[in-house]
Amino acid sequence: NSTYNPEDYNKEEDKMPTTGADNGLEFYDLRGKDYDD
């Protein structure tokens, strides 16, 4: 943590993942779903 600077590894094409979306799903809804669902 004291020596690692994440900005050194950033790329212009990098995109932040979506967070806080309102997709109406709950964890339990995906019980038994395939890994790649």
Full PDB file with SEQRES, HELIX, SHEET, SSBOND, CRYST1, ORIGX, SCALE, CONECT and MASTER records, all heavy atoms in Angstrom:
SEQRES   1 A   37  ASN SER THR TYR ASN PRO GLU ASP TYR ASN LYS GLU GLU          
SEQRES   2 A   37  ASP LYS MET PRO THR THR GLY ALA ASP ASN GLY LEU GLU          
SEQRES   3 A   37  PHE TYR ASP LEU ARG GLY LYS ASP TYR ASP ASP                  
HELIX    1 AA1 PRO A    6  TYR A    9  5                                   4    
HELIX    2 AA2 PHE A   27  LEU A   30  5                                   4    
CRYST1    1.000    1.000    1.000  90.00  90.00  90.00 P 1           1          
ORIGX1      1.000000  0.000000  0.000000        0.00000                         
ORIGX2      0.000000  1.000000  0.000000        0.00000                         
ORIGX3      0.000000  0.000000  1.000000        0.00000                         
SCALE1      1.000000  0.000000  0.000000        0.00000                         
SCALE2      0.000000  1.000000  0.000000        0.00000                         
SCALE3      0.000000  0.000000  1.000000        0.00000                         
ATOM      1  N   ASN A   1       0.807  -1.206   0.000  1.00  0.00           N  
ATOM      2  CA  ASN A   1       0.000   0.000   0.000  1.00  0.00           C  
ATOM      3  C   ASN A   1       0.850   1.270   0.000  1.00  0.00           C  
ATOM      4  O   ASN A   1       0.471   2.294  -0.550  1.00  0.00           O  
ATOM      5  CB  ASN A   1      -0.928   0.006   1.224  1.00  0.00           C  
ATOM      6  CG  ASN A   1      -2.039  -1.010   1.098  1.00  0.00           C  
ATOM      7  OD1 ASN A   1      -2.385  -1.406  -0.003  1.00  0.00           O  
ATOM      8  ND2 ASN A   1      -2.589  -1.441   2.221  1.00  0.00           N  
ATOM      9  N   SER A   2       2.019   1.203   0.639  1.00  0.00           N  
ATOM     10  CA  SER A   2       2.846   2.390   0.763  1.00  0.00           C  
ATOM     11  C   SER A   2       3.624   2.713  -0.507  1.00  0.00           C  
ATOM     12  O   SER A   2       4.126   3.817  -0.662  1.00  0.00           O  
ATOM     13  CB  SER A   2       3.830   2.220   1.932  1.00  0.00           C  
ATOM     14  OG  SER A   2       4.640   1.073   1.713  1.00  0.00           O  
ATOM     15  N   THR A   3       3.739   1.748  -1.423  1.00  0.00           N  
ATOM     16  CA  THR A   3       4.546   1.975  -2.620  1.00  0.00           C  
ATOM     17  C   THR A   3       3.762   1.814  -3.911  1.00  0.00           C  
ATOM     18  O   THR A   3       4.243   2.190  -4.965  1.00  0.00           O  
ATOM     19  CB  THR A   3       5.733   0.987  -2.665  1.00  0.00           C  
ATOM     20  OG1 THR A   3       5.219  -0.351  -2.685  1.00  0.00           O  
ATOM     21  CG2 THR A   3       6.621   1.149  -1.453  1.00  0.00           C  
ATOM     22  N   TYR A   4       2.561   1.280  -3.837  1.00  0.00           N  
ATOM     23  CA  TYR A   4       1.786   0.987  -5.044  1.00  0.00           C  
ATOM     24  C   TYR A   4       0.936   2.187  -5.430  1.00  0.00           C  
ATOM     25  O   TYR A   4       0.110   2.657  -4.652  1.00  0.00           O  
ATOM     26  CB  TYR A   4       0.905  -0.243  -4.798  1.00  0.00           C  
ATOM     27  CG  TYR A   4      -0.033  -0.577  -5.937  1.00  0.00           C  
ATOM     28  CD1 TYR A   4       0.456  -1.017  -7.159  1.00  0.00           C  
ATOM     29  CD2 TYR A   4      -1.416  -0.450  -5.783  1.00  0.00           C  
ATOM     30  CE1 TYR A   4      -0.407  -1.335  -8.203  1.00  0.00           C  
ATOM     31  CE2 TYR A   4      -2.282  -0.772  -6.809  1.00  0.00           C  
ATOM     32  CZ  TYR A   4      -1.773  -1.211  -8.017  1.00  0.00           C  
ATOM     33  OH  TYR A   4      -2.618  -1.516  -9.053  1.00  0.00           O  
ATOM     34  N   ASN A   5       1.130   2.684  -6.624  1.00  0.00           N  
ATOM     35  CA  ASN A   5       0.345   3.791  -7.135  1.00  0.00           C  
ATOM     36  C   ASN A   5      -0.500   3.289  -8.295  1.00  0.00           C  
ATOM     37  O   ASN A   5       0.013   3.053  -9.390  1.00  0.00           O  
ATOM     38  CB  ASN A   5       1.247   4.926  -7.613  1.00  0.00           C  
ATOM     39  CG  ASN A   5       0.439   6.115  -8.127  1.00  0.00           C  
ATOM     40  OD1 ASN A   5      -0.778   6.185  -7.939  1.00  0.00           O  
ATOM     41  ND2 ASN A   5       1.114   7.048  -8.770  1.00  0.00           N  
ATOM     42  N   PRO A   6      -1.808   3.109  -8.096  1.00  0.00           N  
ATOM     43  CA  PRO A   6      -2.635   2.522  -9.158  1.00  0.00           C  
ATOM     44  C   PRO A   6      -2.653   3.356 -10.427  1.00  0.00           C  
ATOM     45  O   PRO A   6      -2.866   2.829 -11.517  1.00  0.00           O  
ATOM     46  CB  PRO A   6      -4.029   2.445  -8.518  1.00  0.00           C  
ATOM     47  CG  PRO A   6      -4.004   3.433  -7.400  1.00  0.00           C  
ATOM     48  CD  PRO A   6      -2.594   3.438  -6.900  1.00  0.00           C  
ATOM     49  N   GLU A   7      -2.402   4.660 -10.302  1.00  0.00           N  
ATOM     50  CA  GLU A   7      -2.426   5.508 -11.490  1.00  0.00           C  
ATOM     51  C   GLU A   7      -1.332   5.131 -12.485  1.00  0.00           C  
ATOM     52  O   GLU A   7      -1.452   5.421 -13.682  1.00  0.00           O  
ATOM     53  CB  GLU A   7      -2.294   6.971 -11.080  1.00  0.00           C  
ATOM     54  CG  GLU A   7      -3.489   7.483 -10.275  1.00  0.00           C  
ATOM     55  CD  GLU A   7      -3.342   8.943  -9.899  1.00  0.00           C  
ATOM     56  OE1 GLU A   7      -2.306   9.543 -10.269  1.00  0.00           O  
ATOM     57  OE2 GLU A   7      -4.259   9.488  -9.252  1.00  0.00           O  
ATOM     58  N   ASP A   8      -0.273   4.493 -11.979  1.00  0.00           N  
ATOM     59  CA  ASP A   8       0.807   4.067 -12.874  1.00  0.00           C  
ATOM     60  C   ASP A   8       0.339   2.988 -13.847  1.00  0.00           C  
ATOM     61  O   ASP A   8       0.999   2.732 -14.862  1.00  0.00           O  
ATOM     62  CB  ASP A   8       1.997   3.526 -12.068  1.00  0.00           C  
ATOM     63  CG  ASP A   8       2.657   4.622 -11.244  1.00  0.00           C  
ATOM     64  OD1 ASP A   8       2.466   5.804 -11.588  1.00  0.00           O  
ATOM     65  OD2 ASP A   8       3.356   4.290 -10.263  1.00  0.00           O  
ATOM     66  N   TYR A   9      -0.776   2.336 -13.538  1.00  0.00           N  
ATOM     67  CA  TYR A   9      -1.250   1.222 -14.350  1.00  0.00           C  
ATOM     68  C   TYR A   9      -2.543   1.547 -15.090  1.00  0.00           C  
ATOM     69  O   TYR A   9      -3.121   0.684 -15.735  1.00  0.00           O  
ATOM     70  CB  TYR A   9      -1.443  -0.020 -13.463  1.00  0.00           C  
ATOM     71  CG  TYR A   9      -0.167  -0.440 -12.775  1.00  0.00           C  
ATOM     72  CD1 TYR A   9       0.181   0.088 -11.536  1.00  0.00           C  
ATOM     73  CD2 TYR A   9       0.714  -1.337 -13.384  1.00  0.00           C  
ATOM     74  CE1 TYR A   9       1.371  -0.279 -10.910  1.00  0.00           C  
ATOM     75  CE2 TYR A   9       1.896  -1.702 -12.762  1.00  0.00           C  
ATOM     76  CZ  TYR A   9       2.220  -1.174 -11.526  1.00  0.00           C  
ATOM     77  OH  TYR A   9       3.398  -1.529 -10.923  1.00  0.00           O  
ATOM     78  N   ASN A  10      -2.999   2.773 -14.970  1.00  0.00           N  
ATOM     79  CA  ASN A  10      -4.209   3.174 -15.674  1.00  0.00           C  
ATOM     80  C   ASN A  10      -3.983   3.221 -17.184  1.00  0.00           C  
ATOM     81  O   ASN A  10      -2.884   3.545 -17.652  1.00  0.00           O  
ATOM     82  CB  ASN A  10      -4.682   4.551 -15.196  1.00  0.00           C  
ATOM     83  CG  ASN A  10      -5.257   4.498 -13.789  1.00  0.00           C  
ATOM     84  OD1 ASN A  10      -5.565   3.433 -13.282  1.00  0.00           O  
ATOM     85  ND2 ASN A  10      -5.381   5.659 -13.164  1.00  0.00           N  
ATOM     86  N   LYS A  11      -5.033   2.901 -17.927  1.00  0.00           N  
ATOM     87  CA  LYS A  11      -4.998   3.002 -19.380  1.00  0.00           C  
ATOM     88  C   LYS A  11      -6.169   3.857 -19.843  1.00  0.00           C  
ATOM     89  O   LYS A  11      -7.214   3.902 -19.199  1.00  0.00           O  
ATOM     90  CB  LYS A  11      -5.096   1.604 -20.015  1.00  0.00           C  
ATOM     91  CG  LYS A  11      -3.957   0.675 -19.630  1.00  0.00           C  
ATOM     92  CD  LYS A  11      -4.153  -0.698 -20.248  1.00  0.00           C  
ATOM     93  CE  LYS A  11      -3.043  -1.651 -19.830  1.00  0.00           C  
ATOM     94  NZ  LYS A  11      -3.244  -3.013 -20.410  1.00  0.00           N  
ATOM     95  N   GLU A  12      -5.987   4.537 -20.970  1.00  0.00           N  
ATOM     96  CA  GLU A  12      -7.031   5.427 -21.468  1.00  0.00           C  
ATOM     97  C   GLU A  12      -8.328   4.688 -21.765  1.00  0.00           C  
ATOM     98  O   GLU A  12      -9.412   5.229 -21.604  1.00  0.00           O  
ATOM     99  CB  GLU A  12      -6.550   6.149 -22.730  1.00  0.00           C  
ATOM    100  CG  GLU A  12      -5.447   7.164 -22.476  1.00  0.00           C  
ATOM    101  CD  GLU A  12      -5.103   7.939 -23.725  1.00  0.00           C  
ATOM    102  OE1 GLU A  12      -5.794   7.747 -24.752  1.00  0.00           O  
ATOM    103  OE2 GLU A  12      -4.144   8.734 -23.690  1.00  0.00           O  
ATOM    104  N   GLU A  13      -8.200   3.428 -22.204  1.00  0.00           N  
ATOM    105  CA  GLU A  13      -9.398   2.662 -22.563  1.00  0.00           C  
ATOM    106  C   GLU A  13     -10.088   2.024 -21.359  1.00  0.00           C  
ATOM    107  O   GLU A  13     -11.147   1.404 -21.492  1.00  0.00           O  
ATOM    108  CB  GLU A  13      -9.048   1.579 -23.579  1.00  0.00           C  
ATOM    109  CG  GLU A  13      -8.058   0.525 -23.085  1.00  0.00           C  
ATOM    110  CD  GLU A  13      -6.614   0.891 -23.368  1.00  0.00           C  
ATOM    111  OE1 GLU A  13      -6.320   2.098 -23.529  1.00  0.00           O  
ATOM    112  OE2 GLU A  13      -5.777  -0.034 -23.430  1.00  0.00           O  
ATOM    113  N   ASP A  14      -9.498   2.165 -20.171  1.00  0.00           N  
ATOM    114  CA  ASP A  14     -10.121   1.609 -18.978  1.00  0.00           C  
ATOM    115  C   ASP A  14     -11.463   2.274 -18.695  1.00  0.00           C  
ATOM    116  O   ASP A  14     -11.622   3.483 -18.890  1.00  0.00           O  
ATOM    117  CB  ASP A  14      -9.209   1.787 -17.757  1.00  0.00           C  
ATOM    118  CG  ASP A  14      -7.983   0.897 -17.807  1.00  0.00           C  
ATOM    119  OD1 ASP A  14      -8.006  -0.087 -18.568  1.00  0.00           O  
ATOM    120  OD2 ASP A  14      -7.009   1.197 -17.092  1.00  0.00           O  
ATOM    121  N   LYS A  15     -12.409   1.470 -18.236  1.00  0.00           N  
ATOM    122  CA  LYS A  15     -13.722   1.993 -17.875  1.00  0.00           C  
ATOM    123  C   LYS A  15     -14.085   1.512 -16.472  1.00  0.00           C  
ATOM    124  O   LYS A  15     -13.888   0.353 -16.140  1.00  0.00           O  
ATOM    125  CB  LYS A  15     -14.789   1.532 -18.873  1.00  0.00           C  
ATOM    126  CG  LYS A  15     -14.630   2.094 -20.273  1.00  0.00           C  
ATOM    127  CD  LYS A  15     -15.765   1.634 -21.169  1.00  0.00           C  
ATOM    128  CE  LYS A  15     -15.615   2.203 -22.576  1.00  0.00           C  
ATOM    129  NZ  LYS A  15     -16.715   1.753 -23.482  1.00  0.00           N  
ATOM    130  N   MET A  16     -14.599   2.403 -15.670  1.00  0.00           N  
ATOM    131  CA  MET A  16     -15.046   2.033 -14.336  1.00  0.00           C  
ATOM    132  C   MET A  16     -16.258   1.115 -14.445  1.00  0.00           C  
ATOM    133  O   MET A  16     -17.137   1.334 -15.293  1.00  0.00           O  
ATOM    134  CB  MET A  16     -15.424   3.274 -13.535  1.00  0.00           C  
ATOM    135  CG  MET A  16     -14.244   4.066 -13.034  1.00  0.00           C  
ATOM    136  SD  MET A  16     -13.283   3.150 -11.800  1.00  0.00           S  
ATOM    137  CE  MET A  16     -14.444   3.093 -10.449  1.00  0.00           C  
ATOM    138  N   PRO A  17     -16.337   0.090 -13.609  1.00  0.00           N  
ATOM    139  CA  PRO A  17     -17.521  -0.771 -13.629  1.00  0.00           C  
ATOM    140  C   PRO A  17     -18.741  -0.025 -13.116  1.00  0.00           C  
ATOM    141  O   PRO A  17     -18.626   0.956 -12.364  1.00  0.00           O  
ATOM    142  CB  PRO A  17     -17.133  -1.914 -12.681  1.00  0.00           C  
ATOM    143  CG  PRO A  17     -16.113  -1.318 -11.767  1.00  0.00           C  
ATOM    144  CD  PRO A  17     -15.339  -0.337 -12.603  1.00  0.00           C  
ATOM    145  N   THR A  18     -19.896  -0.477 -13.527  1.00  0.00           N  
ATOM    146  CA  THR A  18     -21.142   0.123 -13.047  1.00  0.00           C  
ATOM    147  C   THR A  18     -21.357  -0.233 -11.585  1.00  0.00           C  
ATOM    148  O   THR A  18     -21.173  -1.380 -11.176  1.00  0.00           O  
ATOM    149  CB  THR A  18     -22.329  -0.389 -13.879  1.00  0.00           C  
ATOM    150  OG1 THR A  18     -22.123  -0.048 -15.253  1.00  0.00           O  
ATOM    151  CG2 THR A  18     -23.629   0.226 -13.394  1.00  0.00           C  
ATOM    152  N   THR A  19     -21.709   0.723 -10.773  1.00  0.00           N  
ATOM    153  CA  THR A  19     -22.012   0.472  -9.357  1.00  0.00           C  
ATOM    154  C   THR A  19     -23.288   1.212  -8.988  1.00  0.00           C  
ATOM    155  O   THR A  19     -23.635   2.231  -9.592  1.00  0.00           O  
ATOM    156  CB  THR A  19     -20.869   0.953  -8.442  1.00  0.00           C  
ATOM    157  OG1 THR A  19     -20.654   2.355  -8.643  1.00  0.00           O  
ATOM    158  CG2 THR A  19     -19.579   0.203  -8.733  1.00  0.00           C  
ATOM    159  N   GLY A  20     -23.986   0.681  -7.998  1.00  0.00           N  
ATOM    160  CA  GLY A  20     -25.185   1.339  -7.495  1.00  0.00           C  
ATOM    161  C   GLY A  20     -26.359   1.342  -8.454  1.00  0.00           C  
ATOM    162  O   GLY A  20     -27.273   2.167  -8.316  1.00  0.00           O  
ATOM    163  N   ALA A  21     -26.372   0.412  -9.405  1.00  0.00           N  
ATOM    164  CA  ALA A  21     -27.478   0.364 -10.373  1.00  0.00           C  
ATOM    165  C   ALA A  21     -28.764  -0.132  -9.712  1.00  0.00           C  
ATOM    166  O   ALA A  21     -28.732  -0.817  -8.684  1.00  0.00           O  
ATOM    167  CB  ALA A  21     -27.115  -0.548 -11.539  1.00  0.00           C  
ATOM    168  N   ASP A  22     -29.888   0.218 -10.291  1.00  0.00           N  
ATOM    169  CA  ASP A  22     -31.190  -0.209  -9.773  1.00  0.00           C  
ATOM    170  C   ASP A  22     -31.782  -1.225 -10.751  1.00  0.00           C  
ATOM    171  O   ASP A  22     -32.620  -0.895 -11.590  1.00  0.00           O  
ATOM    172  CB  ASP A  22     -32.114   0.996  -9.614  1.00  0.00           C  
ATOM    173  CG  ASP A  22     -33.464   0.618  -8.995  1.00  0.00           C  
ATOM    174  OD1 ASP A  22     -33.581  -0.525  -8.490  1.00  0.00           O  
ATOM    175  OD2 ASP A  22     -34.383   1.455  -9.023  1.00  0.00           O  
ATOM    176  N   ASN A  23     -31.349  -2.494 -10.610  1.00  0.00           N  
ATOM    177  CA  ASN A  23     -31.797  -3.542 -11.525  1.00  0.00           C  
ATOM    178  C   ASN A  23     -32.866  -4.446 -10.914  1.00  0.00           C  
ATOM    179  O   ASN A  23     -33.302  -5.411 -11.548  1.00  0.00           O  
ATOM    180  CB  ASN A  23     -30.601  -4.392 -11.977  1.00  0.00           C  
ATOM    181  CG  ASN A  23     -29.639  -3.588 -12.841  1.00  0.00           C  
ATOM    182  OD1 ASN A  23     -30.050  -2.688 -13.568  1.00  0.00           O  
ATOM    183  ND2 ASN A  23     -28.355  -3.900 -12.759  1.00  0.00           N  
ATOM    184  N   GLY A  24     -33.239  -4.162  -9.670  1.00  0.00           N  
ATOM    185  CA  GLY A  24     -34.348  -4.879  -9.050  1.00  0.00           C  
ATOM    186  C   GLY A  24     -34.075  -6.329  -8.706  1.00  0.00           C  
ATOM    187  O   GLY A  24     -35.005  -7.117  -8.523  1.00  0.00           O  
ATOM    188  N   LEU A  25     -32.783  -6.713  -8.579  1.00  0.00           N  
ATOM    189  CA  LEU A  25     -32.446  -8.102  -8.266  1.00  0.00           C  
ATOM    190  C   LEU A  25     -32.038  -8.244  -6.808  1.00  0.00           C  
ATOM    191  O   LEU A  25     -31.533  -7.306  -6.193  1.00  0.00           O  
ATOM    192  CB  LEU A  25     -31.287  -8.579  -9.152  1.00  0.00           C  
ATOM    193  CG  LEU A  25     -31.573  -8.762 -10.645  1.00  0.00           C  
ATOM    194  CD1 LEU A  25     -30.290  -9.065 -11.404  1.00  0.00           C  
ATOM    195  CD2 LEU A  25     -32.582  -9.887 -10.865  1.00  0.00           C  
ATOM    196  N   GLU A  26     -32.255  -9.432  -6.276  1.00  0.00           N  
ATOM    197  CA  GLU A  26     -31.742  -9.783  -4.960  1.00  0.00           C  
ATOM    198  C   GLU A  26     -30.883 -11.025  -5.083  1.00  0.00           C  
ATOM    199  O   GLU A  26     -31.050 -11.832  -6.003  1.00  0.00           O  
ATOM    200  CB  GLU A  26     -32.876 -10.009  -3.967  1.00  0.00           C  
ATOM    201  CG  GLU A  26     -33.628  -8.735  -3.610  1.00  0.00           C  
ATOM    202  CD  GLU A  26     -34.477  -8.899  -2.361  1.00  0.00           C  
ATOM    203  OE1 GLU A  26     -34.523 -10.024  -1.817  1.00  0.00           O  
ATOM    204  OE2 GLU A  26     -35.085  -7.896  -1.932  1.00  0.00           O  
ATOM    205  N   PHE A  27     -29.966 -11.161  -4.159  1.00  0.00           N  
ATOM    206  CA  PHE A  27     -29.021 -12.274  -4.164  1.00  0.00           C  
ATOM    207  C   PHE A  27     -29.739 -13.621  -4.307  1.00  0.00           C  
ATOM    208  O   PHE A  27     -29.332 -14.494  -5.067  1.00  0.00           O  
ATOM    209  CB  PHE A  27     -28.208 -12.225  -2.876  1.00  0.00           C  
ATOM    210  CG  PHE A  27     -26.949 -13.040  -2.905  1.00  0.00           C  
ATOM    211  CD1 PHE A  27     -26.275 -13.309  -4.090  1.00  0.00           C  
ATOM    212  CD2 PHE A  27     -26.406 -13.526  -1.718  1.00  0.00           C  
ATOM    213  CE1 PHE A  27     -25.105 -14.047  -4.107  1.00  0.00           C  
ATOM    214  CE2 PHE A  27     -25.236 -14.266  -1.726  1.00  0.00           C  
ATOM    215  CZ  PHE A  27     -24.591 -14.528  -2.917  1.00  0.00           C  
ATOM    216  N   TYR A  28     -30.825 -13.751  -3.579  1.00  0.00           N  
ATOM    217  CA  TYR A  28     -31.561 -15.018  -3.567  1.00  0.00           C  
ATOM    218  C   TYR A  28     -32.155 -15.341  -4.937  1.00  0.00           C  
ATOM    219  O   TYR A  28     -32.351 -16.508  -5.270  1.00  0.00           O  
ATOM    220  CB  TYR A  28     -32.668 -14.966  -2.508  1.00  0.00           C  
ATOM    221  CG  TYR A  28     -33.349 -16.288  -2.277  1.00  0.00           C  
ATOM    222  CD1 TYR A  28     -32.786 -17.231  -1.413  1.00  0.00           C  
ATOM    223  CD2 TYR A  28     -34.544 -16.609  -2.917  1.00  0.00           C  
ATOM    224  CE1 TYR A  28     -33.387 -18.450  -1.198  1.00  0.00           C  
ATOM    225  CE2 TYR A  28     -35.154 -17.839  -2.708  1.00  0.00           C  
ATOM    226  CZ  TYR A  28     -34.577 -18.746  -1.847  1.00  0.00           C  
ATOM    227  OH  TYR A  28     -35.171 -19.965  -1.646  1.00  0.00           O  
ATOM    228  N   ASP A  29     -32.434 -14.316  -5.741  1.00  0.00           N  
ATOM    229  CA  ASP A  29     -33.025 -14.542  -7.063  1.00  0.00           C  
ATOM    230  C   ASP A  29     -32.126 -15.385  -7.961  1.00  0.00           C  
ATOM    231  O   ASP A  29     -32.615 -16.046  -8.889  1.00  0.00           O  
ATOM    232  CB  ASP A  29     -33.295 -13.203  -7.767  1.00  0.00           C  
ATOM    233  CG  ASP A  29     -34.342 -12.373  -7.041  1.00  0.00           C  
ATOM    234  OD1 ASP A  29     -35.191 -12.964  -6.354  1.00  0.00           O  
ATOM    235  OD2 ASP A  29     -34.295 -11.124  -7.156  1.00  0.00           O  
ATOM    236  N   LEU A  30     -30.820 -15.367  -7.703  1.00  0.00           N  
ATOM    237  CA  LEU A  30     -29.882 -16.062  -8.583  1.00  0.00           C  
ATOM    238  C   LEU A  30     -29.476 -17.431  -8.049  1.00  0.00           C  
ATOM    239  O   LEU A  30     -28.566 -18.064  -8.589  1.00  0.00           O  
ATOM    240  CB  LEU A  30     -28.638 -15.198  -8.822  1.00  0.00           C  
ATOM    241  CG  LEU A  30     -28.807 -14.193  -9.975  1.00  0.00           C  
ATOM    242  CD1 LEU A  30     -29.708 -13.053  -9.553  1.00  0.00           C  
ATOM    243  CD2 LEU A  30     -27.474 -13.663 -10.446  1.00  0.00           C  
ATOM    244  N   ARG A  31     -30.133 -17.880  -7.012  1.00  0.00           N  
ATOM    245  CA  ARG A  31     -29.820 -19.205  -6.470  1.00  0.00           C  
ATOM    246  C   ARG A  31     -30.054 -20.277  -7.529  1.00  0.00           C  
ATOM    247  O   ARG A  31     -31.133 -20.357  -8.126  1.00  0.00           O  
ATOM    248  CB  ARG A  31     -30.687 -19.497  -5.252  1.00  0.00           C  
ATOM    249  CG  ARG A  31     -30.369 -20.826  -4.588  1.00  0.00           C  
ATOM    250  CD  ARG A  31     -31.118 -20.981  -3.281  1.00  0.00           C  
ATOM    251  NE  ARG A  31     -30.766 -22.216  -2.616  1.00  0.00           N  
ATOM    252  CZ  ARG A  31     -31.172 -22.566  -1.400  1.00  0.00           C  
ATOM    253  NH1 ARG A  31     -31.934 -21.746  -0.706  1.00  0.00           N  
ATOM    254  NH2 ARG A  31     -30.813 -23.718  -0.865  1.00  0.00           N  
ATOM    255  N   GLY A  32     -29.026 -21.083  -7.785  1.00  0.00           N  
ATOM    256  CA  GLY A  32     -29.117 -22.155  -8.768  1.00  0.00           C  
ATOM    257  C   GLY A  32     -28.823 -21.734 -10.190  1.00  0.00           C  
ATOM    258  O   GLY A  32     -28.823 -22.572 -11.098  1.00  0.00           O  
ATOM    259  N   LYS A  33     -28.577 -20.436 -10.416  1.00  0.00           N  
ATOM    260  CA  LYS A  33     -28.279 -19.973 -11.763  1.00  0.00           C  
ATOM    261  C   LYS A  33     -26.887 -20.445 -12.206  1.00  0.00           C  
ATOM    262  O   LYS A  33     -26.000 -20.657 -11.390  1.00  0.00           O  
ATOM    263  CB  LYS A  33     -28.331 -18.441 -11.831  1.00  0.00           C  
ATOM    264  CG  LYS A  33     -29.699 -17.837 -11.561  1.00  0.00           C  
ATOM    265  CD  LYS A  33     -30.669 -18.097 -12.703  1.00  0.00           C  
ATOM    266  CE  LYS A  33     -31.974 -17.343 -12.483  1.00  0.00           C  
ATOM    267  NZ  LYS A  33     -32.959 -17.596 -13.555  1.00  0.00           N  
ATOM    268  N   ASP A  34     -26.701 -20.596 -13.501  1.00  0.00           N  
ATOM    269  CA  ASP A  34     -25.406 -20.981 -14.043  1.00  0.00           C  
ATOM    270  C   ASP A  34     -24.364 -19.905 -13.746  1.00  0.00           C  
ATOM    271  O   ASP A  34     -24.692 -18.717 -13.606  1.00  0.00           O  
ATOM    272  CB  ASP A  34     -25.493 -21.192 -15.561  1.00  0.00           C  
ATOM    273  CG  ASP A  34     -26.320 -22.423 -15.925  1.00  0.00           C  
ATOM    274  OD1 ASP A  34     -26.443 -23.320 -15.064  1.00  0.00           O  
ATOM    275  OD2 ASP A  34     -26.839 -22.467 -17.048  1.00  0.00           O  
ATOM    276  N   TYR A  35     -23.107 -20.342 -13.706  1.00  0.00           N  
ATOM    277  CA  TYR A  35     -22.006 -19.427 -13.408  1.00  0.00           C  
ATOM    278  C   TYR A  35     -21.953 -18.270 -14.402  1.00  0.00           C  
ATOM    279  O   TYR A  35     -21.651 -17.128 -14.034  1.00  0.00           O  
ATOM    280  CB  TYR A  35     -20.681 -20.207 -13.432  1.00  0.00           C  
ATOM    281  CG  TYR A  35     -19.450 -19.366 -13.207  1.00  0.00           C  
ATOM    282  CD1 TYR A  35     -19.044 -19.028 -11.914  1.00  0.00           C  
ATOM    283  CD2 TYR A  35     -18.686 -18.911 -14.282  1.00  0.00           C  
ATOM    284  CE1 TYR A  35     -17.920 -18.249 -11.699  1.00  0.00           C  
ATOM    285  CE2 TYR A  35     -17.555 -18.132 -14.077  1.00  0.00           C  
ATOM    286  CZ  TYR A  35     -17.182 -17.812 -12.782  1.00  0.00           C  
ATOM    287  OH  TYR A  35     -16.066 -17.036 -12.581  1.00  0.00           O  
ATOM    288  N   ASP A  36     -22.248 -18.535 -15.677  1.00  0.00           N  
ATOM    289  CA  ASP A  36     -22.146 -17.503 -16.711  1.00  0.00           C  
ATOM    290  C   ASP A  36     -23.493 -16.865 -17.048  1.00  0.00           C  
ATOM    291  O   ASP A  36     -23.643 -16.219 -18.081  1.00  0.00           O  
ATOM    292  CB  ASP A  36     -21.509 -18.069 -17.983  1.00  0.00           C  
ATOM    293  CG  ASP A  36     -22.257 -19.291 -18.520  1.00  0.00           C  
ATOM    294  OD1 ASP A  36     -23.226 -19.728 -17.854  1.00  0.00           O  
ATOM    295  OD2 ASP A  36     -21.870 -19.804 -19.590  1.00  0.00           O  
ATOM    296  N   ASP A  37     -24.497 -17.023 -16.171  1.00  0.00           N  
ATOM    297  CA  ASP A  37     -25.781 -16.381 -16.398  1.00  0.00           C  
ATOM    298  C   ASP A  37     -25.586 -14.859 -16.394  1.00  0.00           C  
ATOM    299  O   ASP A  37     -24.958 -14.303 -15.477  1.00  0.00           O  
ATOM    300  CB  ASP A  37     -26.765 -16.782 -15.292  1.00  0.00           C  
ATOM    301  CG  ASP A  37     -28.194 -16.364 -15.606  1.00  0.00           C  
ATOM    302  OD1 ASP A  37     -28.444 -15.145 -15.672  1.00  0.00           O  
ATOM    303  OD2 ASP A  37     -29.044 -17.244 -15.800  1.00  0.00           O  
TER     304      ASP A  37                                                      
MASTER        0    0    0    2    0    0    0    6  303    1    0    3          
END                                                                             
